[in-house]
């Protein structure tokens, strides 16, 4: 009978585990838990208004609207409001900066 079956059937059983293996198991569980907690603590990207984005990119509202339609920028809709993730705009700035250096 497999261990999982014993557990599911609520059977009594004994197992022997070496201290070193038990320690390694607990360390792996702790490491996994810390990793999960670190992922939860990653800050969410700040949301920017169209006005902020236009200032950051030095573009007009009409250009931003055109870029939205072309998929260059990807607004997030919150009801009737449009917001932009700061991380997306920063990536766009880096990408545009890289293109200017090569041309």
C-alpha atoms as a PDB file:
ATOM      1  CA  UNK A   1       0.000   0.000   0.000  1.00  0.00           C
ATOM      2  CA  UNK A   2       1.261   3.493  -0.876  1.00  0.00           C
ATOM      3  CA  UNK A   3       1.792   6.158   1.750  1.00  0.00           C
ATOM      4  CA  UNK A   4      -0.815   8.444   0.234  1.00  0.00           C
ATOM      5  CA  UNK A   5      -3.389   5.645   0.446  1.00  0.00           C
ATOM      6  CA  UNK A   6      -2.593   5.109   4.113  1.00  0.00           C
ATOM      7  CA  UNK A   7      -3.062   8.803   4.785  1.00  0.00           C
ATOM      8  CA  UNK A   8      -6.346   8.944   2.848  1.00  0.00           C
ATOM      9  CA  UNK A   9      -7.696   5.930   4.706  1.00  0.00           C
ATOM     10  CA  UNK A  10      -6.642   7.458   8.010  1.00  0.00           C
ATOM     11  CA  UNK A  11      -4.595   4.378   8.865  1.00  0.00           C
ATOM     12  CA  UNK A  12      -2.087   4.301  11.678  1.00  0.00           C
ATOM     13  CA  UNK A  13       1.465   3.771  10.555  1.00  0.00           C
ATOM     14  CA  UNK A  14       5.045   4.500  11.542  1.00  0.00           C
ATOM     15  CA  UNK A  15       7.891   5.711   9.385  1.00  0.00           C
ATOM     16  CA  UNK A  16      11.546   6.178  10.083  1.00  0.00           C
ATOM     17  CA  UNK A  17      13.387   9.163   8.697  1.00  0.00           C
ATOM     18  CA  UNK A  18      16.997  10.116   9.141  1.00  0.00           C
ATOM     19  CA  UNK A  19      17.534  13.410  10.942  1.00  0.00           C
ATOM     20  CA  UNK A  20      19.513  14.773   7.997  1.00  0.00           C
ATOM     21  CA  UNK A  21      16.648  14.032   5.566  1.00  0.00           C
ATOM     22  CA  UNK A  22      14.122  15.626   7.916  1.00  0.00           C
ATOM     23  CA  UNK A  23      16.285  18.722   8.246  1.00  0.00           C
ATOM     24  CA  UNK A  24      16.618  18.978   4.450  1.00  0.00           C
ATOM     25  CA  UNK A  25      12.848  18.655   4.073  1.00  0.00           C
ATOM     26  CA  UNK A  26      12.167  21.457   6.561  1.00  0.00           C
ATOM     27  CA  UNK A  27      14.804  23.687   4.921  1.00  0.00           C
ATOM     28  CA  UNK A  28      13.200  23.124   1.518  1.00  0.00           C
ATOM     29  CA  UNK A  29       9.749  23.973   2.911  1.00  0.00           C
ATOM     30  CA  UNK A  30      11.098  27.145   4.551  1.00  0.00           C
ATOM     31  CA  UNK A  31      12.874  28.151   1.344  1.00  0.00           C
ATOM     32  CA  UNK A  32       9.691  27.627  -0.658  1.00  0.00           C
ATOM     33  CA  UNK A  33       7.649  29.661   1.822  1.00  0.00           C
ATOM     34  CA  UNK A  34      10.145  32.565   1.722  1.00  0.00           C
ATOM     35  CA  UNK A  35      10.035  32.520  -2.069  1.00  0.00           C
ATOM     36  CA  UNK A  36       6.222  32.631  -2.040  1.00  0.00           C
ATOM     37  CA  UNK A  37       6.231  35.526   0.443  1.00  0.00           C
ATOM     38  CA  UNK A  38       8.759  37.466  -1.661  1.00  0.00           C
ATOM     39  CA  UNK A  39       6.504  37.125  -4.708  1.00  0.00           C
ATOM     40  CA  UNK A  40       3.557  38.491  -2.728  1.00  0.00           C
ATOM     41  CA  UNK A  41       5.582  41.505  -1.591  1.00  0.00           C
ATOM     42  CA  UNK A  42       6.517  42.654  -5.104  1.00  0.00           C
ATOM     43  CA  UNK A  43       5.009  46.108  -5.485  1.00  0.00           C
ATOM     44  CA  UNK A  44       2.337  46.575  -8.102  1.00  0.00           C
ATOM     45  CA  UNK A  45       3.198  48.934 -10.906  1.00  0.00           C
ATOM     46  CA  UNK A  46       1.984  52.478 -10.334  1.00  0.00           C
ATOM     47  CA  UNK A  47      -0.830  53.605 -12.601  1.00  0.00           C
ATOM     48  CA  UNK A  48      -0.371  56.829 -14.579  1.00  0.00           C
ATOM     49  CA  UNK A  49      -2.883  59.189 -16.158  1.00  0.00           C
ATOM     50  CA  UNK A  50      -2.777  60.043 -19.864  1.00  0.00           C
ATOM     51  CA  UNK A  51      -1.476  63.481 -18.910  1.00  0.00           C
ATOM     52  CA  UNK A  52       1.436  61.978 -16.968  1.00  0.00           C
ATOM     53  CA  UNK A  53       2.280  59.617 -19.835  1.00  0.00           C
ATOM     54  CA  UNK A  54       2.246  62.464 -22.371  1.00  0.00           C
ATOM     55  CA  UNK A  55       4.651  64.449 -20.197  1.00  0.00           C
ATOM     56  CA  UNK A  56       6.971  61.458 -19.693  1.00  0.00           C
ATOM     57  CA  UNK A  57       7.072  60.667 -23.420  1.00  0.00           C
ATOM     58  CA  UNK A  58       6.920  64.291 -24.621  1.00  0.00           C
ATOM     59  CA  UNK A  59       3.977  63.528 -26.885  1.00  0.00           C
ATOM     60  CA  UNK A  60       0.526  65.003 -27.429  1.00  0.00           C
ATOM     61  CA  UNK A  61      -2.749  63.428 -26.299  1.00  0.00           C
ATOM     62  CA  UNK A  62      -3.579  62.758 -29.971  1.00  0.00           C
ATOM     63  CA  UNK A  63      -0.321  60.798 -30.380  1.00  0.00           C
ATOM     64  CA  UNK A  64      -1.039  58.827 -27.222  1.00  0.00           C
ATOM     65  CA  UNK A  65      -4.542  58.021 -28.504  1.00  0.00           C
ATOM     66  CA  UNK A  66      -3.010  56.889 -31.822  1.00  0.00           C
ATOM     67  CA  UNK A  67      -0.424  54.742 -29.993  1.00  0.00           C
ATOM     68  CA  UNK A  68      -3.266  53.155 -27.972  1.00  0.00           C
ATOM     69  CA  UNK A  69      -5.010  52.193 -31.221  1.00  0.00           C
ATOM     70  CA  UNK A  70      -1.765  50.780 -32.684  1.00  0.00           C
ATOM     71  CA  UNK A  71      -0.967  48.807 -29.530  1.00  0.00           C
ATOM     72  CA  UNK A  72       2.234  50.727 -28.782  1.00  0.00           C
ATOM     73  CA  UNK A  73       0.768  51.727 -25.431  1.00  0.00           C
ATOM     74  CA  UNK A  74      -1.656  49.509 -23.558  1.00  0.00           C
ATOM     75  CA  UNK A  75      -4.103  51.423 -21.381  1.00  0.00           C
ATOM     76  CA  UNK A  76      -5.956  49.794 -18.525  1.00  0.00           C
ATOM     77  CA  UNK A  77      -9.632  50.706 -18.398  1.00  0.00           C
ATOM     78  CA  UNK A  78     -11.085  51.517 -14.990  1.00  0.00           C
ATOM     79  CA  UNK A  79     -14.700  52.269 -15.742  1.00  0.00           C
ATOM     80  CA  UNK A  80     -14.539  55.216 -18.117  1.00  0.00           C
ATOM     81  CA  UNK A  81     -10.968  56.088 -17.078  1.00  0.00           C
ATOM     82  CA  UNK A  82      -7.780  55.052 -18.860  1.00  0.00           C
ATOM     83  CA  UNK A  83      -4.604  54.447 -16.906  1.00  0.00           C
ATOM     84  CA  UNK A  84      -1.173  53.200 -17.928  1.00  0.00           C
ATOM     85  CA  UNK A  85       1.218  51.018 -15.950  1.00  0.00           C
ATOM     86  CA  UNK A  86       4.348  52.970 -15.099  1.00  0.00           C
ATOM     87  CA  UNK A  87       6.522  49.913 -15.768  1.00  0.00           C
ATOM     88  CA  UNK A  88       5.110  49.651 -19.327  1.00  0.00           C
ATOM     89  CA  UNK A  89       5.852  53.328 -20.018  1.00  0.00           C
ATOM     90  CA  UNK A  90       9.372  53.016 -18.592  1.00  0.00           C
ATOM     91  CA  UNK A  91      10.005  50.013 -20.863  1.00  0.00           C
ATOM     92  CA  UNK A  92       8.755  52.046 -23.816  1.00  0.00           C
ATOM     93  CA  UNK A  93      11.139  54.883 -22.907  1.00  0.00           C
ATOM     94  CA  UNK A  94      14.071  52.427 -22.702  1.00  0.00           C
ATOM     95  CA  UNK A  95      13.091  50.856 -26.015  1.00  0.00           C
ATOM     96  CA  UNK A  96      12.835  54.253 -27.727  1.00  0.00           C
ATOM     97  CA  UNK A  97      16.149  55.301 -26.167  1.00  0.00           C
ATOM     98  CA  UNK A  98      17.828  52.165 -27.556  1.00  0.00           C
ATOM     99  CA  UNK A  99      16.438  52.842 -31.033  1.00  0.00           C
ATOM    100  CA  UNK A 100      17.778  56.395 -30.983  1.00  0.00           C
ATOM    101  CA  UNK A 101      21.260  55.184 -30.068  1.00  0.00           C
ATOM    102  CA  UNK A 102      21.412  52.736 -32.977  1.00  0.00           C
ATOM    103  CA  UNK A 103      20.019  55.129 -35.649  1.00  0.00           C
END
